[in-house]
N, C-alpha and C. Protein backbone atom coordinates (compact mmCIF):
# COMPACT_ATOMS: atom_id res chain seq x y z
N UNK A 1 107.00 102.74 109.07
CA UNK A 1 106.92 101.36 108.67
C UNK A 1 108.32 100.77 108.72
N UNK A 2 108.46 99.53 109.22
CA UNK A 2 109.78 98.92 109.35
C UNK A 2 110.21 98.26 108.05
N UNK A 3 111.48 97.91 107.99
CA UNK A 3 112.04 97.25 106.81
C UNK A 3 111.78 95.74 106.82
N UNK A 4 111.15 95.22 107.85
CA UNK A 4 110.91 93.79 107.94
C UNK A 4 109.81 93.36 106.97
N UNK A 5 109.86 92.09 106.61
CA UNK A 5 108.82 91.51 105.75
C UNK A 5 107.49 91.57 106.49
N UNK A 6 106.38 91.76 105.79
CA UNK A 6 105.09 91.87 106.47
C UNK A 6 104.67 90.59 107.19
N UNK A 7 105.17 89.44 106.77
CA UNK A 7 104.78 88.17 107.39
C UNK A 7 105.94 87.49 108.08
N UNK A 8 106.97 88.21 108.41
CA UNK A 8 108.12 87.64 109.06
C UNK A 8 109.23 87.36 108.07
N UNK A 9 110.36 86.92 108.56
CA UNK A 9 111.50 86.68 107.67
C UNK A 9 111.28 85.44 106.81
N UNK A 10 111.96 85.35 105.68
CA UNK A 10 111.85 84.17 104.83
C UNK A 10 112.50 82.97 105.51
N UNK A 11 112.20 81.75 105.05
CA UNK A 11 112.83 80.56 105.65
C UNK A 11 114.35 80.62 105.51
N UNK A 12 115.03 79.96 106.42
CA UNK A 12 116.49 79.99 106.40
C UNK A 12 117.04 79.19 105.22
N UNK A 13 118.24 79.52 104.82
CA UNK A 13 118.91 78.79 103.73
C UNK A 13 119.15 77.34 104.12
N UNK A 14 119.41 77.10 105.38
CA UNK A 14 119.63 75.74 105.85
C UNK A 14 118.39 74.87 105.61
N UNK A 15 117.24 75.44 105.82
CA UNK A 15 116.00 74.70 105.58
C UNK A 15 115.89 74.32 104.11
N UNK A 16 116.24 75.23 103.22
CA UNK A 16 116.20 74.94 101.78
C UNK A 16 117.20 73.85 101.41
N UNK A 17 118.35 73.85 102.05
CA UNK A 17 119.37 72.83 101.76
C UNK A 17 118.94 71.43 102.20
N UNK A 18 118.07 71.35 103.18
CA UNK A 18 117.63 70.04 103.67
C UNK A 18 116.35 69.56 103.00
N UNK A 19 115.83 70.31 102.04
CA UNK A 19 114.55 69.95 101.43
C UNK A 19 114.58 68.58 100.77
N UNK A 20 115.62 68.27 100.01
CA UNK A 20 115.70 66.97 99.33
C UNK A 20 115.73 65.83 100.34
N UNK A 21 116.46 66.02 101.42
CA UNK A 21 116.54 64.98 102.45
C UNK A 21 115.20 64.78 103.14
N UNK A 22 114.54 65.88 103.41
CA UNK A 22 113.23 65.77 104.05
C UNK A 22 112.22 65.10 103.12
N UNK A 23 112.27 65.39 101.83
CA UNK A 23 111.36 64.76 100.87
C UNK A 23 111.62 63.26 100.80
N UNK A 24 112.87 62.86 100.81
CA UNK A 24 113.22 61.45 100.79
C UNK A 24 112.70 60.74 102.04
N UNK A 25 112.85 61.39 103.18
CA UNK A 25 112.34 60.81 104.43
C UNK A 25 110.82 60.65 104.36
N UNK A 26 110.13 61.60 103.73
CA UNK A 26 108.68 61.49 103.61
C UNK A 26 108.28 60.33 102.71
N UNK A 27 109.04 60.10 101.65
CA UNK A 27 108.75 58.97 100.75
C UNK A 27 108.87 57.66 101.52
N UNK A 28 109.93 57.51 102.28
CA UNK A 28 110.11 56.29 103.07
C UNK A 28 109.00 56.12 104.10
N UNK A 29 108.65 57.19 104.79
CA UNK A 29 107.59 57.08 105.80
C UNK A 29 106.24 56.80 105.16
N UNK A 30 106.01 57.32 103.95
CA UNK A 30 104.77 57.02 103.25
C UNK A 30 104.69 55.54 102.91
N UNK A 31 105.79 54.96 102.46
CA UNK A 31 105.80 53.52 102.15
C UNK A 31 105.55 52.68 103.39
N UNK A 32 106.13 53.06 104.51
CA UNK A 32 105.91 52.32 105.75
C UNK A 32 104.45 52.43 106.19
N UNK A 33 103.91 53.64 106.16
CA UNK A 33 102.52 53.80 106.58
C UNK A 33 101.56 53.12 105.61
N UNK A 34 101.90 53.08 104.32
CA UNK A 34 101.05 52.40 103.34
C UNK A 34 101.00 50.91 103.63
N UNK A 35 102.14 50.31 103.96
CA UNK A 35 102.15 48.88 104.28
C UNK A 35 101.32 48.61 105.53
N UNK A 36 101.44 49.47 106.52
CA UNK A 36 100.65 49.30 107.74
C UNK A 36 99.16 49.45 107.44
N UNK A 37 98.80 50.47 106.68
CA UNK A 37 97.39 50.68 106.33
C UNK A 37 96.83 49.50 105.55
N UNK A 38 97.62 48.93 104.64
CA UNK A 38 97.13 47.80 103.85
C UNK A 38 96.78 46.61 104.73
N UNK A 39 97.44 46.48 105.88
CA UNK A 39 97.16 45.38 106.79
C UNK A 39 95.92 45.63 107.64
N UNK A 40 95.65 46.89 107.98
CA UNK A 40 94.56 47.17 108.92
C UNK A 40 93.33 47.79 108.28
N UNK A 41 93.44 48.30 107.05
CA UNK A 41 92.28 48.95 106.41
C UNK A 41 91.24 47.89 106.04
N UNK A 42 89.98 48.16 106.35
CA UNK A 42 88.94 47.18 106.00
C UNK A 42 88.74 47.11 104.49
N UNK A 43 88.46 45.91 104.00
CA UNK A 43 88.19 45.72 102.58
C UNK A 43 86.82 46.29 102.25
N UNK A 44 86.70 46.86 101.07
CA UNK A 44 85.44 47.43 100.62
C UNK A 44 84.48 46.35 100.18
N UNK A 45 83.24 46.75 99.95
CA UNK A 45 82.19 45.82 99.52
C UNK A 45 81.86 46.00 98.04
N UNK A 46 82.70 46.74 97.32
CA UNK A 46 82.49 46.93 95.89
C UNK A 46 81.55 48.06 95.54
N UNK A 47 81.04 48.79 96.54
CA UNK A 47 80.12 49.88 96.21
C UNK A 47 80.88 51.06 95.60
N UNK A 48 80.18 51.91 94.86
CA UNK A 48 80.86 53.01 94.18
C UNK A 48 81.28 54.13 95.14
N UNK A 49 82.45 54.66 94.85
CA UNK A 49 83.00 55.78 95.60
C UNK A 49 83.46 56.82 94.58
N UNK A 50 83.03 58.06 94.73
CA UNK A 50 83.49 59.13 93.86
C UNK A 50 84.41 60.02 94.68
N UNK A 51 85.61 60.22 94.17
CA UNK A 51 86.60 61.05 94.85
C UNK A 51 86.62 62.41 94.17
N UNK A 52 86.31 63.44 94.94
CA UNK A 52 86.28 64.80 94.40
C UNK A 52 87.61 65.49 94.66
N UNK A 53 88.11 66.23 93.69
CA UNK A 53 89.37 66.95 93.90
C UNK A 53 89.17 68.18 94.77
N UNK A 54 90.21 68.59 95.43
CA UNK A 54 90.18 69.83 96.18
C UNK A 54 90.12 71.02 95.24
N UNK A 55 89.92 72.20 95.80
CA UNK A 55 89.83 73.42 95.01
C UNK A 55 91.07 73.59 94.14
N UNK A 56 90.88 73.88 92.89
CA UNK A 56 91.90 74.08 91.86
C UNK A 56 92.59 72.79 91.44
N UNK A 57 92.13 71.65 91.94
CA UNK A 57 92.70 70.36 91.56
C UNK A 57 91.82 69.66 90.54
N UNK A 58 92.34 68.62 89.96
CA UNK A 58 91.59 67.79 89.03
C UNK A 58 91.72 66.33 89.44
N UNK A 59 91.18 65.44 88.63
CA UNK A 59 91.23 64.02 88.96
C UNK A 59 92.66 63.50 89.08
N UNK A 60 93.58 64.08 88.34
CA UNK A 60 94.98 63.63 88.42
C UNK A 60 95.60 63.81 89.78
N UNK A 61 95.12 64.81 90.51
CA UNK A 61 95.69 65.10 91.82
C UNK A 61 95.36 64.05 92.86
N UNK A 62 94.28 63.32 92.67
CA UNK A 62 93.91 62.32 93.66
C UNK A 62 94.00 60.90 93.11
N UNK A 63 94.80 60.70 92.07
CA UNK A 63 94.90 59.38 91.46
C UNK A 63 95.47 58.34 92.44
N UNK A 64 96.39 58.74 93.30
CA UNK A 64 96.95 57.80 94.28
C UNK A 64 95.87 57.33 95.25
N UNK A 65 95.03 58.25 95.70
CA UNK A 65 93.94 57.88 96.61
C UNK A 65 92.95 56.95 95.91
N UNK A 66 92.62 57.26 94.66
CA UNK A 66 91.69 56.40 93.92
C UNK A 66 92.28 55.01 93.69
N UNK A 67 93.56 54.94 93.41
CA UNK A 67 94.23 53.65 93.24
C UNK A 67 94.19 52.84 94.54
N UNK A 68 94.46 53.51 95.64
CA UNK A 68 94.43 52.85 96.95
C UNK A 68 93.04 52.30 97.26
N UNK A 69 92.00 53.10 97.02
CA UNK A 69 90.64 52.65 97.28
C UNK A 69 90.24 51.51 96.35
N UNK A 70 90.72 51.54 95.13
CA UNK A 70 90.44 50.44 94.19
C UNK A 70 91.02 49.13 94.70
N UNK A 71 92.24 49.21 95.26
CA UNK A 71 92.87 48.00 95.80
C UNK A 71 92.13 47.47 97.02
N UNK A 72 91.35 48.32 97.66
CA UNK A 72 90.54 47.89 98.81
C UNK A 72 89.18 47.37 98.39
N UNK A 73 88.97 47.22 97.08
CA UNK A 73 87.74 46.64 96.52
C UNK A 73 86.56 47.62 96.50
N UNK A 74 86.82 48.86 96.23
CA UNK A 74 85.75 49.82 95.97
C UNK A 74 85.70 50.10 94.47
N UNK A 75 84.54 50.43 93.97
CA UNK A 75 84.39 50.84 92.57
C UNK A 75 84.62 52.34 92.53
N UNK A 76 85.83 52.75 92.26
CA UNK A 76 86.25 54.14 92.43
C UNK A 76 86.13 54.92 91.12
N UNK A 77 85.62 56.14 91.25
CA UNK A 77 85.45 57.02 90.10
C UNK A 77 85.92 58.43 90.47
N UNK A 78 86.54 59.09 89.50
CA UNK A 78 86.84 60.51 89.65
C UNK A 78 85.58 61.29 89.33
N UNK A 79 85.65 62.56 89.51
CA UNK A 79 84.44 63.34 89.24
C UNK A 79 84.29 63.64 87.76
N UNK A 80 85.38 63.62 87.00
CA UNK A 80 85.31 63.76 85.56
C UNK A 80 84.89 65.12 85.04
N UNK A 81 85.07 66.16 85.83
CA UNK A 81 84.62 67.50 85.43
C UNK A 81 85.78 68.48 85.29
N UNK A 82 86.98 67.98 85.10
CA UNK A 82 88.13 68.87 84.93
C UNK A 82 88.60 69.47 86.24
N UNK A 83 89.17 70.64 86.14
CA UNK A 83 89.70 71.33 87.32
C UNK A 83 88.55 71.87 88.18
N UNK A 84 88.68 71.69 89.48
CA UNK A 84 87.67 72.17 90.42
C UNK A 84 87.86 73.67 90.66
N UNK A 85 87.01 74.46 90.05
CA UNK A 85 87.08 75.92 90.20
C UNK A 85 86.04 76.46 91.17
N UNK A 86 85.50 75.58 91.98
CA UNK A 86 84.51 76.01 92.97
C UNK A 86 83.11 75.59 92.58
N UNK A 87 82.15 75.83 93.47
CA UNK A 87 80.78 75.35 93.28
C UNK A 87 79.95 76.22 92.33
N UNK A 88 80.26 76.11 91.06
CA UNK A 88 79.46 76.83 90.06
C UNK A 88 78.22 76.00 89.72
N UNK A 89 77.17 76.65 89.28
CA UNK A 89 75.89 75.98 89.04
C UNK A 89 76.03 74.83 88.03
N UNK A 90 76.72 75.05 86.93
CA UNK A 90 76.86 74.00 85.92
C UNK A 90 77.63 72.80 86.47
N UNK A 91 78.60 73.05 87.32
CA UNK A 91 79.38 71.97 87.92
C UNK A 91 78.52 71.18 88.89
N UNK A 92 77.75 71.87 89.71
CA UNK A 92 76.89 71.19 90.68
C UNK A 92 75.84 70.33 89.97
N UNK A 93 75.28 70.84 88.88
CA UNK A 93 74.30 70.06 88.12
C UNK A 93 74.95 68.84 87.49
N UNK A 94 76.13 69.02 86.91
CA UNK A 94 76.84 67.89 86.29
C UNK A 94 77.24 66.85 87.33
N UNK A 95 77.65 67.30 88.49
CA UNK A 95 78.02 66.40 89.57
C UNK A 95 76.82 65.59 90.04
N UNK A 96 75.69 66.26 90.17
CA UNK A 96 74.46 65.57 90.57
C UNK A 96 74.07 64.52 89.53
N UNK A 97 74.17 64.85 88.25
CA UNK A 97 73.86 63.89 87.18
C UNK A 97 74.78 62.69 87.25
N UNK A 98 76.07 62.93 87.49
CA UNK A 98 77.03 61.83 87.56
C UNK A 98 76.75 60.92 88.75
N UNK A 99 76.39 61.49 89.87
CA UNK A 99 76.06 60.68 91.05
C UNK A 99 74.81 59.84 90.78
N UNK A 100 73.80 60.42 90.16
CA UNK A 100 72.59 59.66 89.82
C UNK A 100 72.91 58.53 88.85
N UNK A 101 73.78 58.81 87.86
CA UNK A 101 74.18 57.79 86.90
C UNK A 101 74.87 56.62 87.62
N UNK A 102 75.84 56.94 88.47
CA UNK A 102 76.57 55.89 89.18
C UNK A 102 75.66 55.13 90.14
N UNK A 103 74.76 55.83 90.77
CA UNK A 103 73.82 55.19 91.68
C UNK A 103 72.94 54.18 90.93
N UNK A 104 72.47 54.58 89.75
CA UNK A 104 71.67 53.66 88.94
C UNK A 104 72.49 52.50 88.41
N UNK A 105 73.69 52.77 87.99
CA UNK A 105 74.57 51.73 87.44
C UNK A 105 74.89 50.66 88.47
N UNK A 106 75.15 51.08 89.71
CA UNK A 106 75.50 50.14 90.77
C UNK A 106 74.31 49.78 91.65
N UNK A 107 73.16 50.35 91.36
CA UNK A 107 71.91 50.06 92.09
C UNK A 107 72.08 50.29 93.59
N UNK A 108 72.63 51.44 93.95
CA UNK A 108 72.80 51.76 95.36
C UNK A 108 73.43 53.13 95.53
N UNK A 109 73.66 53.48 96.77
CA UNK A 109 74.23 54.81 97.05
C UNK A 109 75.70 54.90 96.65
N UNK A 110 76.15 56.12 96.45
CA UNK A 110 77.52 56.43 96.08
C UNK A 110 78.16 57.18 97.26
N UNK A 111 79.31 56.71 97.66
CA UNK A 111 80.04 57.40 98.74
C UNK A 111 80.93 58.46 98.11
């Protein structure tokens, strides 16, 4: 067996030194793309949209997306079930109940 790392060498020190600069560049590019998207994104019709978090995430992780969709005139809701630990039976049942509730409240389908 060789002395090399099993998945290759670690990132270079130079890459670590440029991390702050790269993050700053991403913030600027995000602001530019957000302004462009605001001009071309179609306005919503007010129907309900539920944003589900990715695995191991919660509603806080997608708050920026929910805020953006709200500004586009959608009735945006988080899933309200805490951290997403995968498709457990109790979670799926609770999610189904929440979708039915929102569908009844808005008298239509939920995206």
